[in-house]
Amino acid sequence: MPHMTTALITGANRGLGRHFAAELLARGATVYAGAREPASIDLPGARPIALDVTDPDAVAAAAALAGDVDLLVNNAGISTGAQLLGDLEGVRAEMDVNFWGTLSMVRAFAPVLAANGGGKVVNVASALSWFAAPGAGAYAVSKAANWNMSNALRLELAGQGTQVTSVHLGLADTDMATAIQGPKTDPAVVARLTLDAVEAGDLEVVVDDWSAMVKASLAEDPRTFYDRFLTL
């Protein structure tokens, strides 16, 4: 993969992150696979690295170790089910990982990417960047922040030639979505489509029809969309 020869993926031990790592390995890239428990990385050829994106020391250590990275995939994320008027610790936890953790990684690796020719950043967001649903209040807010963070970082990193791509999908068939009903996209397909789009220079990846519909709805009266949830 031209210009994406060495990658670091956060949350690479399972789910979508593991599929990103596997796809990159299949394409011939060197892959640093980040996880809180590096022993949980079981992909042959991947280079396990201890990484908690909420720990500034761990993030700094990862940037120092992986100084040859030209692709950063910010995949690590959590969903606690916290509501904004409920458990505030859950809300903070989602923001700490989905927003602050991602930003911490970009801040640490921006100089690395610059030194390696500019590189690329992939931030895994969600269709929930563009709407909120019952049971996903905190998650939706954190992913909305993640999405607009990508927009801002794209401008701030343009001068060093770093491409920033935001990825949006509904449900992927991973552990995080096990208890949720509805159509689910094969995570291997998500990884493949995303990496193809990044290589093509796309700044946003809308993976599925549901996400495309949600994004299009932003131009409409919000009641048209939210009447399916509101009980007023």
C-alpha atoms as a PDB file:
ATOM      1  CA  MET A   1       0.000   0.000   0.000  1.00  0.00           C
ATOM      2  CA  PRO A   2       1.787   3.156  -1.150  1.00  0.00           C
ATOM      3  CA  HIS A   3       2.280   5.669   1.658  1.00  0.00           C
ATOM      4  CA  MET A   4       0.770   3.240   4.180  1.00  0.00           C
ATOM      5  CA  THR A   5       3.612   0.844   4.802  1.00  0.00           C
ATOM      6  CA  THR A   6       3.698   0.937   8.612  1.00  0.00           C
ATOM      7  CA  ALA A   7       0.538   1.204  10.665  1.00  0.00           C
ATOM      8  CA  LEU A   8      -0.490   1.398  14.294  1.00  0.00           C
ATOM      9  CA  ILE A   9      -4.020   0.335  15.219  1.00  0.00           C
ATOM     10  CA  THR A  10      -5.530   1.021  18.629  1.00  0.00           C
ATOM     11  CA  GLY A  11      -7.855  -1.584  20.117  1.00  0.00           C
ATOM     12  CA  ALA A  12      -6.402  -4.170  17.752  1.00  0.00           C
ATOM     13  CA  ASN A  13      -6.961  -7.251  19.888  1.00  0.00           C
ATOM     14  CA  ARG A  14     -10.586  -7.832  18.829  1.00  0.00           C
ATOM     15  CA  GLY A  15     -13.513  -6.581  16.796  1.00  0.00           C
ATOM     16  CA  LEU A  16     -12.999  -4.047  14.065  1.00  0.00           C
ATOM     17  CA  GLY A  17      -9.448  -3.243  15.178  1.00  0.00           C
ATOM     18  CA  ARG A  18      -8.347  -6.838  14.709  1.00  0.00           C
ATOM     19  CA  HIS A  19      -9.799  -6.827  11.199  1.00  0.00           C
ATOM     20  CA  PHE A  20      -7.955  -3.606  10.364  1.00  0.00           C
ATOM     21  CA  ALA A  21      -4.741  -5.248  11.513  1.00  0.00           C
ATOM     22  CA  ALA A  22      -5.420  -8.426   9.543  1.00  0.00           C
ATOM     23  CA  GLU A  23      -6.272  -6.517   6.362  1.00  0.00           C
ATOM     24  CA  LEU A  24      -3.162  -4.369   6.603  1.00  0.00           C
ATOM     25  CA  LEU A  25      -0.979  -7.407   7.178  1.00  0.00           C
ATOM     26  CA  ALA A  26      -2.545  -9.060   4.132  1.00  0.00           C
ATOM     27  CA  ARG A  27      -1.636  -5.942   2.120  1.00  0.00           C
ATOM     28  CA  GLY A  28       1.983  -6.226   3.186  1.00  0.00           C
ATOM     29  CA  ALA A  29       2.118  -3.498   5.826  1.00  0.00           C
ATOM     30  CA  THR A  30       4.090  -3.606   9.049  1.00  0.00           C
ATOM     31  CA  VAL A  31       1.496  -3.489  11.831  1.00  0.00           C
ATOM     32  CA  TYR A  32       1.815  -2.367  15.427  1.00  0.00           C
ATOM     33  CA  ALA A  33      -1.227  -3.816  17.190  1.00  0.00           C
ATOM     34  CA  GLY A  34      -2.103  -1.778  20.264  1.00  0.00           C
ATOM     35  CA  ALA A  35      -4.084  -3.188  23.186  1.00  0.00           C
ATOM     36  CA  ARG A  36      -4.260  -2.741  26.943  1.00  0.00           C
ATOM     37  CA  GLU A  37      -3.190  -6.380  27.224  1.00  0.00           C
ATOM     38  CA  PRO A  38      -0.660  -7.005  24.445  1.00  0.00           C
ATOM     39  CA  ALA A  39      -0.738 -10.731  25.187  1.00  0.00           C
ATOM     40  CA  SER A  40      -4.279 -10.749  23.762  1.00  0.00           C
ATOM     41  CA  ILE A  41      -2.924  -9.978  20.270  1.00  0.00           C
ATOM     42  CA  ASP A  42      -3.008 -13.266  18.366  1.00  0.00           C
ATOM     43  CA  LEU A  43      -2.403 -12.173  14.774  1.00  0.00           C
ATOM     44  CA  PRO A  44       0.725 -13.763  13.274  1.00  0.00           C
ATOM     45  CA  GLY A  45       3.032 -11.053  12.032  1.00  0.00           C
ATOM     46  CA  ALA A  46       1.555  -8.233  14.112  1.00  0.00           C
ATOM     47  CA  ARG A  47       3.775  -6.422  16.595  1.00  0.00           C
ATOM     48  CA  PRO A  48       1.918  -6.249  19.919  1.00  0.00           C
ATOM     49  CA  ILE A  49       2.266  -3.012  21.826  1.00  0.00           C
ATOM     50  CA  ALA A  50       0.891  -2.147  25.273  1.00  0.00           C
ATOM     51  CA  LEU A  51      -1.434   0.797  24.793  1.00  0.00           C
ATOM     52  CA  ASP A  52      -4.197   2.389  26.829  1.00  0.00           C
ATOM     53  CA  VAL A  53      -5.289   5.522  24.950  1.00  0.00           C
ATOM     54  CA  THR A  54      -6.453   7.135  28.200  1.00  0.00           C
ATOM     55  CA  ASP A  55      -2.955   6.854  29.730  1.00  0.00           C
ATOM     56  CA  PRO A  56      -0.694   9.720  28.574  1.00  0.00           C
ATOM     57  CA  ASP A  57       2.466   7.821  29.514  1.00  0.00           C
ATOM     58  CA  ALA A  58       1.396   4.769  27.502  1.00  0.00           C
ATOM     59  CA  VAL A  59       0.540   6.945  24.492  1.00  0.00           C
ATOM     60  CA  ALA A  60       3.911   8.715  24.658  1.00  0.00           C
ATOM     61  CA  ALA A  61       5.721   5.377  24.956  1.00  0.00           C
ATOM     62  CA  ALA A  62       3.875   4.041  21.900  1.00  0.00           C
ATOM     63  CA  ALA A  63       4.878   7.088  19.839  1.00  0.00           C
ATOM     64  CA  ALA A  64       8.502   6.684  20.915  1.00  0.00           C
ATOM     65  CA  LEU A  65       8.507   2.973  20.080  1.00  0.00           C
ATOM     66  CA  ALA A  66       6.659   3.154  16.758  1.00  0.00           C
ATOM     67  CA  GLY A  67       8.653   5.944  15.155  1.00  0.00           C
ATOM     68  CA  ASP A  68       8.242   4.566  11.629  1.00  0.00           C
ATOM     69  CA  VAL A  69       4.440   4.786  11.495  1.00  0.00           C
ATOM     70  CA  ASP A  70       2.832   6.449   8.477  1.00  0.00           C
ATOM     71  CA  LEU A  71      -0.750   5.291   9.138  1.00  0.00           C
ATOM     72  CA  LEU A  72      -2.523   5.726  12.474  1.00  0.00           C
ATOM     73  CA  VAL A  73      -5.867   3.961  12.871  1.00  0.00           C
ATOM     74  CA  ASN A  74      -7.746   5.240  15.915  1.00  0.00           C
ATOM     75  CA  ASN A  75     -10.141   2.364  16.407  1.00  0.00           C
ATOM     76  CA  ALA A  76     -10.261   2.018  20.210  1.00  0.00           C
ATOM     77  CA  GLY A  77     -13.674   2.905  21.578  1.00  0.00           C
ATOM     78  CA  ILE A  78     -16.172   2.009  24.267  1.00  0.00           C
ATOM     79  CA  SER A  79     -19.941   2.001  24.619  1.00  0.00           C
ATOM     80  CA  THR A  80     -21.250   2.013  28.190  1.00  0.00           C
ATOM     81  CA  GLY A  81     -24.911   2.700  27.513  1.00  0.00           C
ATOM     82  CA  ALA A  82     -24.658   5.783  29.723  1.00  0.00           C
ATOM     83  CA  GLN A  83     -27.310   8.474  29.420  1.00  0.00           C
ATOM     84  CA  LEU A  84     -26.467  12.153  29.763  1.00  0.00           C
ATOM     85  CA  LEU A  85     -28.849  12.525  32.714  1.00  0.00           C
ATOM     86  CA  GLY A  86     -27.763   9.243  34.273  1.00  0.00           C
ATOM     87  CA  ASP A  87     -24.368   7.907  35.346  1.00  0.00           C
ATOM     88  CA  LEU A  88     -21.957  10.793  34.779  1.00  0.00           C
ATOM     89  CA  GLU A  89     -18.944   8.521  35.240  1.00  0.00           C
ATOM     90  CA  GLY A  90     -20.093   6.505  32.253  1.00  0.00           C
ATOM     91  CA  VAL A  91     -20.427   9.667  30.189  1.00  0.00           C
ATOM     92  CA  ARG A  92     -16.919  10.728  31.173  1.00  0.00           C
ATOM     93  CA  ALA A  93     -15.547   7.275  30.374  1.00  0.00           C
ATOM     94  CA  GLU A  94     -16.950   7.423  26.837  1.00  0.00           C
ATOM     95  CA  MET A  95     -15.513  10.888  26.246  1.00  0.00           C
ATOM     96  CA  ASP A  96     -12.165   9.833  27.744  1.00  0.00           C
ATOM     97  CA  VAL A  97     -11.767   7.002  25.227  1.00  0.00           C
ATOM     98  CA  ASN A  98     -13.750   8.049  22.163  1.00  0.00           C
ATOM     99  CA  PHE A  99     -12.721  11.712  22.120  1.00  0.00           C
ATOM    100  CA  TRP A 100      -9.813  12.488  24.454  1.00  0.00           C
ATOM    101  CA  GLY A 101      -8.050   9.183  23.826  1.00  0.00           C
ATOM    102  CA  THR A 102      -8.239   9.624  20.067  1.00  0.00           C
ATOM    103  CA  LEU A 103      -7.026  13.212  20.305  1.00  0.00           C
ATOM    104  CA  SER A 104      -4.170  12.137  22.574  1.00  0.00           C
ATOM    105  CA  MET A 105      -3.040   9.613  19.974  1.00  0.00           C
ATOM    106  CA  VAL A 106      -3.119  12.149  17.148  1.00  0.00           C
ATOM    107  CA  ARG A 107      -1.221  14.727  19.199  1.00  0.00           C
ATOM    108  CA  ALA A 108       1.474  12.162  20.022  1.00  0.00           C
ATOM    109  CA  PHE A 109       1.806  10.773  16.512  1.00  0.00           C
ATOM    110  CA  ALA A 110       1.500  13.984  14.481  1.00  0.00           C
ATOM    111  CA  PRO A 111       5.282  14.611  14.702  1.00  0.00           C
ATOM    112  CA  VAL A 112       5.938  10.970  13.807  1.00  0.00           C
ATOM    113  CA  LEU A 113       3.729  11.211  10.733  1.00  0.00           C
ATOM    114  CA  ALA A 114       5.333  14.506   9.721  1.00  0.00           C
ATOM    115  CA  ALA A 115       8.795  12.974   9.962  1.00  0.00           C
ATOM    116  CA  ASN A 116       7.633  10.102   7.766  1.00  0.00           C
ATOM    117  CA  GLY A 117       6.286  12.249   4.961  1.00  0.00           C
ATOM    118  CA  GLY A 118       2.887  13.300   6.319  1.00  0.00           C
ATOM    119  CA  GLY A 119       1.048  10.018   6.514  1.00  0.00           C
ATOM    120  CA  LYS A 120      -2.588   9.352   7.212  1.00  0.00           C
ATOM    121  CA  VAL A 121      -4.911   9.254  10.215  1.00  0.00           C
ATOM    122  CA  VAL A 122      -8.098   7.178  10.332  1.00  0.00           C
ATOM    123  CA  ASN A 123     -10.604   7.971  13.078  1.00  0.00           C
ATOM    124  CA  VAL A 124     -13.367   5.391  13.505  1.00  0.00           C
ATOM    125  CA  ALA A 125     -16.521   7.334  14.270  1.00  0.00           C
ATOM    126  CA  SER A 126     -20.109   6.146  13.744  1.00  0.00           C
ATOM    127  CA  ALA A 127     -23.466   6.867  12.152  1.00  0.00           C
ATOM    128  CA  LEU A 128     -24.209   8.029  15.701  1.00  0.00           C
ATOM    129  CA  SER A 129     -21.931  10.990  15.002  1.00  0.00           C
ATOM    130  CA  TRP A 130     -24.989  12.435  13.231  1.00  0.00           C
ATOM    131  CA  PHE A 131     -27.929  11.406  15.444  1.00  0.00           C
ATOM    132  CA  ALA A 132     -28.805  10.172  18.901  1.00  0.00           C
ATOM    133  CA  ALA A 133     -30.820   7.106  19.807  1.00  0.00           C
ATOM    134  CA  PRO A 134     -32.345   5.795  23.041  1.00  0.00           C
ATOM    135  CA  GLY A 135     -29.698   4.030  25.105  1.00  0.00           C
ATOM    136  CA  ALA A 136     -26.790   5.650  23.305  1.00  0.00           C
ATOM    137  CA  GLY A 137     -26.759   9.231  24.527  1.00  0.00           C
ATOM    138  CA  ALA A 138     -23.189   9.438  25.765  1.00  0.00           C
ATOM    139  CA  TYR A 139     -21.883   7.348  22.885  1.00  0.00           C
ATOM    140  CA  ALA A 140     -23.570   9.602  20.325  1.00  0.00           C
ATOM    141  CA  VAL A 141     -22.130  12.735  21.914  1.00  0.00           C
ATOM    142  CA  SER A 142     -18.629  11.240  22.037  1.00  0.00           C
ATOM    143  CA  LYS A 143     -18.775  10.164  18.403  1.00  0.00           C
ATOM    144  CA  ALA A 144     -20.143  13.534  17.292  1.00  0.00           C
ATOM    145  CA  ALA A 145     -17.132  15.094  18.992  1.00  0.00           C
ATOM    146  CA  ASN A 146     -14.897  12.522  17.318  1.00  0.00           C
ATOM    147  CA  TRP A 147     -16.280  13.399  13.891  1.00  0.00           C
ATOM    148  CA  ASN A 148     -15.845  17.150  14.211  1.00  0.00           C
ATOM    149  CA  MET A 149     -12.428  16.578  15.756  1.00  0.00           C
ATOM    150  CA  SER A 150     -11.470  14.889  12.479  1.00  0.00           C
ATOM    151  CA  ASN A 151     -12.701  17.935  10.578  1.00  0.00           C
ATOM    152  CA  ALA A 152     -10.608  20.264  12.739  1.00  0.00           C
ATOM    153  CA  LEU A 153      -7.512  18.060  12.705  1.00  0.00           C
ATOM    154  CA  ARG A 154      -7.736  17.809   8.932  1.00  0.00           C
ATOM    155  CA  LEU A 155      -7.220  21.562   8.752  1.00  0.00           C
ATOM    156  CA  GLU A 156      -4.541  21.694  11.438  1.00  0.00           C
ATOM    157  CA  LEU A 157      -2.513  18.862   9.901  1.00  0.00           C
ATOM    158  CA  ALA A 158      -2.854  19.928   6.275  1.00  0.00           C
ATOM    159  CA  GLY A 159       0.357  21.917   6.447  1.00  0.00           C
ATOM    160  CA  GLN A 160       2.404  18.794   7.170  1.00  0.00           C
ATOM    161  CA  GLY A 161       0.632  16.781   4.478  1.00  0.00           C
ATOM    162  CA  THR A 162      -1.324  14.490   6.807  1.00  0.00           C
ATOM    163  CA  GLN A 163      -4.640  13.154   5.509  1.00  0.00           C
ATOM    164  CA  VAL A 164      -7.404  12.678   8.106  1.00  0.00           C
ATOM    165  CA  THR A 165     -10.279  10.318   7.293  1.00  0.00           C
ATOM    166  CA  SER A 166     -13.398   9.797   9.394  1.00  0.00           C
ATOM    167  CA  VAL A 167     -15.232   6.446   9.215  1.00  0.00           C
ATOM    168  CA  HIS A 168     -18.986   6.130   9.785  1.00  0.00           C
ATOM    169  CA  LEU A 169     -21.043   2.960  10.043  1.00  0.00           C
ATOM    170  CA  GLY A 170     -24.109   1.585  11.721  1.00  0.00           C
ATOM    171  CA  LEU A 171     -23.606  -1.863  13.227  1.00  0.00           C
ATOM    172  CA  ALA A 172     -20.609  -4.077  12.592  1.00  0.00           C
ATOM    173  CA  ASP A 173     -20.806  -7.743  13.513  1.00  0.00           C
ATOM    174  CA  THR A 174     -18.488  -7.475  16.535  1.00  0.00           C
ATOM    175  CA  ASP A 175     -18.657  -8.159  20.269  1.00  0.00           C
ATOM    176  CA  MET A 176     -19.777  -4.579  20.945  1.00  0.00           C
ATOM    177  CA  ALA A 177     -22.947  -5.115  18.901  1.00  0.00           C
ATOM    178  CA  THR A 178     -23.777  -8.656  20.045  1.00  0.00           C
ATOM    179  CA  ALA A 179     -26.845  -7.620  22.054  1.00  0.00           C
ATOM    180  CA  ILE A 180     -28.161  -5.166  19.447  1.00  0.00           C
ATOM    181  CA  GLN A 181     -30.676  -6.255  16.844  1.00  0.00           C
ATOM    182  CA  GLY A 182     -30.458  -5.127  13.235  1.00  0.00           C
ATOM    183  CA  PRO A 183     -28.424  -5.568  10.057  1.00  0.00           C
ATOM    184  CA  LYS A 184     -24.703  -5.821  10.731  1.00  0.00           C
ATOM    185  CA  THR A 185     -21.807  -5.317   8.370  1.00  0.00           C
ATOM    186  CA  ASP A 186     -18.970  -7.823   8.261  1.00  0.00           C
ATOM    187  CA  PRO A 187     -16.055  -6.047  10.005  1.00  0.00           C
ATOM    188  CA  ALA A 188     -13.672  -7.413   7.386  1.00  0.00           C
ATOM    189  CA  VAL A 189     -15.689  -5.507   4.776  1.00  0.00           C
ATOM    190  CA  VAL A 190     -15.513  -2.334   6.892  1.00  0.00           C
ATOM    191  CA  ALA A 191     -11.727  -2.614   7.098  1.00  0.00           C
ATOM    192  CA  ARG A 192     -11.330  -3.290   3.390  1.00  0.00           C
ATOM    193  CA  LEU A 193     -13.646  -0.466   2.275  1.00  0.00           C
ATOM    194  CA  THR A 194     -12.001   1.966   4.673  1.00  0.00           C
ATOM    195  CA  LEU A 195      -8.441   1.221   3.600  1.00  0.00           C
ATOM    196  CA  ASP A 196      -9.397   1.393  -0.071  1.00  0.00           C
ATOM    197  CA  ALA A 197     -11.011   4.788   0.548  1.00  0.00           C
ATOM    198  CA  VAL A 198      -8.034   6.079   2.516  1.00  0.00           C
ATOM    199  CA  GLU A 199      -5.672   5.036  -0.241  1.00  0.00           C
ATOM    200  CA  ALA A 200      -7.913   6.845  -2.749  1.00  0.00           C
ATOM    201  CA  GLY A 201      -7.632  10.030  -0.696  1.00  0.00           C
ATOM    202  CA  ASP A 202     -11.199  10.082   0.632  1.00  0.00           C
ATOM    203  CA  LEU A 203     -11.763  12.238   3.703  1.00  0.00           C
ATOM    204  CA  GLU A 204     -14.910  10.472   4.873  1.00  0.00           C
ATOM    205  CA  VAL A 205     -16.043   6.857   4.599  1.00  0.00           C
ATOM    206  CA  VAL A 206     -19.780   6.182   4.830  1.00  0.00           C
ATOM    207  CA  VAL A 207     -19.836   2.407   5.059  1.00  0.00           C
ATOM    208  CA  ASP A 208     -23.516   1.459   4.790  1.00  0.00           C
ATOM    209  CA  ASP A 209     -26.908   2.639   3.559  1.00  0.00           C
ATOM    210  CA  TRP A 210     -28.132   3.391   7.086  1.00  0.00           C
ATOM    211  CA  SER A 211     -25.255   5.795   7.703  1.00  0.00           C
ATOM    212  CA  ALA A 212     -25.844   7.458   4.334  1.00  0.00           C
ATOM    213  CA  MET A 213     -29.524   7.923   5.184  1.00  0.00           C
ATOM    214  CA  VAL A 214     -28.698   9.437   8.575  1.00  0.00           C
ATOM    215  CA  LYS A 215     -26.226  11.868   7.062  1.00  0.00           C
ATOM    216  CA  ALA A 216     -28.728  12.925   4.386  1.00  0.00           C
ATOM    217  CA  SER A 217     -31.378  13.517   7.072  1.00  0.00           C
ATOM    218  CA  LEU A 218     -29.326  16.358   8.553  1.00  0.00           C
ATOM    219  CA  ALA A 219     -30.593  18.630   5.796  1.00  0.00           C
ATOM    220  CA  GLU A 220     -34.222  17.938   6.785  1.00  0.00           C
ATOM    221  CA  ASP A 221     -36.499  19.011   9.619  1.00  0.00           C
ATOM    222  CA  PRO A 222     -35.172  17.040  12.627  1.00  0.00           C
ATOM    223  CA  ARG A 223     -38.708  15.994  13.593  1.00  0.00           C
ATOM    224  CA  THR A 224     -38.885  13.945  10.405  1.00  0.00           C
ATOM    225  CA  PHE A 225     -36.075  11.779  11.755  1.00  0.00           C
ATOM    226  CA  TYR A 226     -36.791  11.879  15.504  1.00  0.00           C
ATOM    227  CA  ASP A 227     -40.513  11.152  15.358  1.00  0.00           C
ATOM    228  CA  ARG A 228     -39.547   7.476  15.386  1.00  0.00           C
ATOM    229  CA  PHE A 229     -38.098   7.933  18.904  1.00  0.00           C
ATOM    230  CA  LEU A 230     -40.130  10.769  20.453  1.00  0.00           C
ATOM    231  CA  THR A 231     -43.141  10.063  22.655  1.00  0.00           C
ATOM    232  CA  LEU A 232     -44.169  13.717  23.120  1.00  0.00           C
END
